[in-house]
Amino acid sequence: MLYTVLINVMPLKDLLDPQGKAVLGGLKNLQINNVKDIRIGKHISLQIEAGDEAEAKNVADIAASKLLANPVMEYYEINVIANS
């Protein structure tokens, strides 16, 4: 079965996010002052052929932990969607 797996990779909450801070500064320059914090990450979509949802999630977890995210600086979340 084919699964769509969505992986969101974000900077660890305890680390400074320089890209987020730059965007926050840009918003303030545009007089948009009600945004208090921005964290910028990556959104990755994979199409995985697997026997079941658990297998698809396992494949995505291996890909994220070994290649797609840097565990020193980032964390990731995985969402598996079964395609009809």
N, C-alpha and C. Protein backbone atom coordinates (compact mmCIF):
# COMPACT_ATOMS: atom_id res chain seq x y z
N MET A 1 0.85 -1.18 0.00
CA MET A 1 0.00 0.00 0.00
C MET A 1 0.90 1.24 0.00
N LEU A 2 0.40 2.30 -0.61
CA LEU A 2 1.15 3.55 -0.69
C LEU A 2 0.70 4.48 0.44
N TYR A 3 1.68 5.03 1.14
CA TYR A 3 1.42 5.96 2.24
C TYR A 3 2.11 7.29 1.95
N THR A 4 1.42 8.36 2.29
CA THR A 4 2.04 9.68 2.29
C THR A 4 2.50 9.93 3.71
N VAL A 5 3.77 10.23 3.86
CA VAL A 5 4.32 10.49 5.19
C VAL A 5 4.81 11.93 5.22
N LEU A 6 4.30 12.68 6.17
CA LEU A 6 4.69 14.07 6.34
C LEU A 6 5.62 14.17 7.54
N ILE A 7 6.77 14.80 7.31
CA ILE A 7 7.76 14.97 8.38
C ILE A 7 7.98 16.47 8.56
N ASN A 8 7.78 16.94 9.77
CA ASN A 8 8.08 18.32 10.12
C ASN A 8 9.33 18.34 10.96
N VAL A 9 10.32 19.08 10.50
CA VAL A 9 11.60 19.20 11.19
C VAL A 9 11.70 20.63 11.70
N MET A 10 11.93 20.77 12.99
CA MET A 10 11.99 22.10 13.61
C MET A 10 13.23 22.23 14.48
N PRO A 11 13.73 23.46 14.65
CA PRO A 11 14.86 23.65 15.56
C PRO A 11 14.44 23.31 16.99
N LEU A 12 15.36 22.78 17.75
CA LEU A 12 15.08 22.50 19.16
C LEU A 12 14.65 23.78 19.86
N LYS A 13 13.72 23.68 20.77
CA LYS A 13 13.15 24.85 21.43
C LYS A 13 14.19 25.65 22.22
N ASP A 14 15.22 24.99 22.72
CA ASP A 14 16.24 25.67 23.53
C ASP A 14 17.29 26.38 22.69
N LEU A 15 17.29 26.16 21.37
CA LEU A 15 18.29 26.77 20.51
C LEU A 15 17.75 28.02 19.82
N LEU A 16 18.64 28.97 19.60
CA LEU A 16 18.30 30.17 18.85
C LEU A 16 17.96 29.78 17.42
N ASP A 17 16.94 30.40 16.85
CA ASP A 17 16.56 30.18 15.46
C ASP A 17 16.85 31.48 14.70
N PRO A 18 18.07 31.61 14.13
CA PRO A 18 18.44 32.87 13.48
C PRO A 18 17.51 33.25 12.32
N GLN A 19 17.06 32.27 11.56
CA GLN A 19 16.16 32.56 10.45
C GLN A 19 14.82 33.09 10.97
N GLY A 20 14.33 32.49 12.02
CA GLY A 20 13.10 32.95 12.64
C GLY A 20 13.23 34.37 13.18
N LYS A 21 14.37 34.65 13.82
CA LYS A 21 14.60 36.00 14.36
C LYS A 21 14.67 37.03 13.24
N ALA A 22 15.30 36.67 12.10
CA ALA A 22 15.38 37.60 10.97
C ALA A 22 13.99 37.89 10.41
N VAL A 23 13.15 36.87 10.30
CA VAL A 23 11.78 37.08 9.80
C VAL A 23 10.98 37.91 10.79
N LEU A 24 11.17 37.65 12.08
CA LEU A 24 10.48 38.44 13.10
C LEU A 24 10.86 39.92 12.98
N GLY A 25 12.15 40.18 12.77
CA GLY A 25 12.60 41.56 12.56
C GLY A 25 11.98 42.18 11.31
N GLY A 26 11.87 41.40 10.24
CA GLY A 26 11.24 41.88 9.01
C GLY A 26 9.78 42.22 9.22
N LEU A 27 9.07 41.39 9.99
CA LEU A 27 7.67 41.68 10.28
C LEU A 27 7.53 42.97 11.07
N LYS A 28 8.43 43.17 12.02
CA LYS A 28 8.39 44.41 12.81
C LYS A 28 8.64 45.63 11.91
N ASN A 29 9.54 45.47 10.92
CA ASN A 29 9.78 46.56 9.96
C ASN A 29 8.53 46.86 9.13
N LEU A 30 7.68 45.87 8.94
CA LEU A 30 6.41 46.05 8.23
C LEU A 30 5.28 46.51 9.15
N GLN A 31 5.64 46.85 10.38
CA GLN A 31 4.67 47.30 11.39
C GLN A 31 3.71 46.19 11.81
N ILE A 32 4.14 44.94 11.67
CA ILE A 32 3.35 43.80 12.17
C ILE A 32 3.98 43.43 13.51
N ASN A 33 3.39 43.97 14.58
CA ASN A 33 4.02 43.88 15.90
C ASN A 33 3.36 42.88 16.84
N ASN A 34 2.28 42.22 16.41
CA ASN A 34 1.61 41.29 17.31
C ASN A 34 2.15 39.87 17.21
N VAL A 35 3.10 39.60 16.31
CA VAL A 35 3.76 38.29 16.25
C VAL A 35 4.89 38.31 17.26
N LYS A 36 4.88 37.40 18.20
CA LYS A 36 5.85 37.42 19.30
C LYS A 36 7.04 36.49 19.10
N ASP A 37 6.88 35.42 18.31
CA ASP A 37 7.99 34.51 18.06
C ASP A 37 7.74 33.74 16.78
N ILE A 38 8.80 33.38 16.09
CA ILE A 38 8.72 32.59 14.87
C ILE A 38 9.80 31.52 14.94
N ARG A 39 9.42 30.30 14.61
CA ARG A 39 10.37 29.19 14.47
C ARG A 39 10.21 28.68 13.04
N ILE A 40 11.29 28.60 12.31
CA ILE A 40 11.23 28.17 10.92
C ILE A 40 11.91 26.82 10.79
N GLY A 41 11.22 25.90 10.13
CA GLY A 41 11.74 24.55 9.94
C GLY A 41 11.52 24.06 8.52
N LYS A 42 11.45 22.75 8.38
CA LYS A 42 11.27 22.12 7.08
C LYS A 42 10.04 21.22 7.12
N HIS A 43 9.33 21.16 6.01
CA HIS A 43 8.21 20.26 5.85
C HIS A 43 8.56 19.33 4.70
N ILE A 44 8.60 18.04 4.96
CA ILE A 44 9.03 17.05 3.97
C ILE A 44 7.89 16.05 3.77
N SER A 45 7.59 15.76 2.51
CA SER A 45 6.55 14.80 2.17
C SER A 45 7.18 13.63 1.42
N LEU A 46 6.95 12.42 1.93
CA LEU A 46 7.48 11.20 1.30
C LEU A 46 6.32 10.33 0.85
N GLN A 47 6.48 9.65 -0.26
CA GLN A 47 5.55 8.62 -0.71
C GLN A 47 6.26 7.29 -0.46
N ILE A 48 5.71 6.47 0.43
CA ILE A 48 6.37 5.23 0.84
C ILE A 48 5.46 4.05 0.56
N GLU A 49 6.00 3.06 -0.14
CA GLU A 49 5.30 1.79 -0.37
C GLU A 49 5.64 0.89 0.81
N ALA A 50 4.61 0.45 1.56
CA ALA A 50 4.85 -0.37 2.76
C ALA A 50 3.66 -1.30 2.99
N GLY A 51 3.92 -2.34 3.76
CA GLY A 51 2.87 -3.31 4.07
C GLY A 51 1.80 -2.78 4.99
N ASP A 52 2.19 -1.87 5.90
CA ASP A 52 1.22 -1.27 6.82
C ASP A 52 1.74 0.08 7.30
N GLU A 53 0.91 0.77 8.06
CA GLU A 53 1.25 2.10 8.54
C GLU A 53 2.49 2.10 9.43
N ALA A 54 2.63 1.09 10.27
CA ALA A 54 3.78 1.01 11.17
C ALA A 54 5.09 0.89 10.38
N GLU A 55 5.07 0.11 9.31
CA GLU A 55 6.26 -0.04 8.49
C GLU A 55 6.61 1.28 7.80
N ALA A 56 5.60 1.98 7.29
CA ALA A 56 5.82 3.27 6.64
C ALA A 56 6.41 4.28 7.64
N LYS A 57 5.87 4.28 8.85
CA LYS A 57 6.39 5.19 9.88
C LYS A 57 7.82 4.83 10.25
N ASN A 58 8.13 3.55 10.32
CA ASN A 58 9.48 3.12 10.65
C ASN A 58 10.48 3.57 9.58
N VAL A 59 10.10 3.41 8.31
CA VAL A 59 10.97 3.86 7.22
C VAL A 59 11.21 5.37 7.32
N ALA A 60 10.15 6.13 7.56
CA ALA A 60 10.27 7.58 7.69
C ALA A 60 11.11 7.97 8.89
N ASP A 61 10.97 7.24 9.99
CA ASP A 61 11.76 7.52 11.18
C ASP A 61 13.24 7.30 10.92
N ILE A 62 13.59 6.24 10.23
CA ILE A 62 14.99 5.98 9.88
C ILE A 62 15.52 7.11 8.99
N ALA A 63 14.73 7.48 7.96
CA ALA A 63 15.15 8.54 7.05
C ALA A 63 15.35 9.86 7.80
N ALA A 64 14.41 10.18 8.68
CA ALA A 64 14.50 11.45 9.42
C ALA A 64 15.67 11.46 10.38
N SER A 65 15.85 10.37 11.11
CA SER A 65 16.90 10.35 12.13
C SER A 65 18.30 10.26 11.54
N LYS A 66 18.45 9.67 10.36
CA LYS A 66 19.78 9.49 9.78
C LYS A 66 20.13 10.51 8.70
N LEU A 67 19.11 11.19 8.12
CA LEU A 67 19.41 12.07 7.00
C LEU A 67 18.67 13.41 7.04
N LEU A 68 17.40 13.40 7.33
CA LEU A 68 16.57 14.59 7.14
C LEU A 68 16.65 15.59 8.27
N ALA A 69 16.98 15.15 9.47
CA ALA A 69 17.06 16.05 10.63
C ALA A 69 18.41 15.88 11.31
N ASN A 70 18.91 16.97 11.86
CA ASN A 70 20.15 16.94 12.63
C ASN A 70 19.75 16.88 14.11
N PRO A 71 19.90 15.72 14.76
CA PRO A 71 19.40 15.58 16.14
C PRO A 71 20.09 16.50 17.16
N VAL A 72 21.22 17.05 16.81
CA VAL A 72 21.90 17.99 17.71
C VAL A 72 21.16 19.32 17.75
N MET A 73 20.52 19.67 16.63
CA MET A 73 19.90 20.99 16.53
C MET A 73 18.40 20.95 16.24
N GLU A 74 17.86 19.78 15.86
CA GLU A 74 16.48 19.73 15.40
C GLU A 74 15.74 18.52 15.99
N TYR A 75 14.43 18.63 16.03
CA TYR A 75 13.57 17.49 16.34
C TYR A 75 12.60 17.33 15.18
N TYR A 76 11.95 16.18 15.10
CA TYR A 76 11.01 15.96 14.00
C TYR A 76 9.78 15.25 14.49
N GLU A 77 8.70 15.45 13.73
CA GLU A 77 7.42 14.79 13.98
C GLU A 77 6.98 14.13 12.69
N ILE A 78 6.39 12.93 12.80
CA ILE A 78 5.98 12.16 11.64
C ILE A 78 4.48 11.95 11.67
N ASN A 79 3.83 12.16 10.51
CA ASN A 79 2.40 11.91 10.36
C ASN A 79 2.21 11.03 9.12
N VAL A 80 1.59 9.85 9.29
CA VAL A 80 1.40 8.92 8.19
C VAL A 80 -0.07 8.98 7.73
N ILE A 81 -0.25 9.07 6.41
CA ILE A 81 -1.59 9.12 5.82
C ILE A 81 -1.68 7.99 4.80
N ALA A 82 -2.68 7.13 4.95
CA ALA A 82 -2.89 6.05 3.98
C ALA A 82 -3.55 6.63 2.74
N ASN A 83 -2.98 6.36 1.56
CA ASN A 83 -3.59 6.81 0.31
C ASN A 83 -4.68 5.84 -0.10
N SER A 84 -5.77 6.36 -0.66
CA SER A 84 -6.87 5.49 -1.08
C SER A 84 -6.60 4.92 -2.46
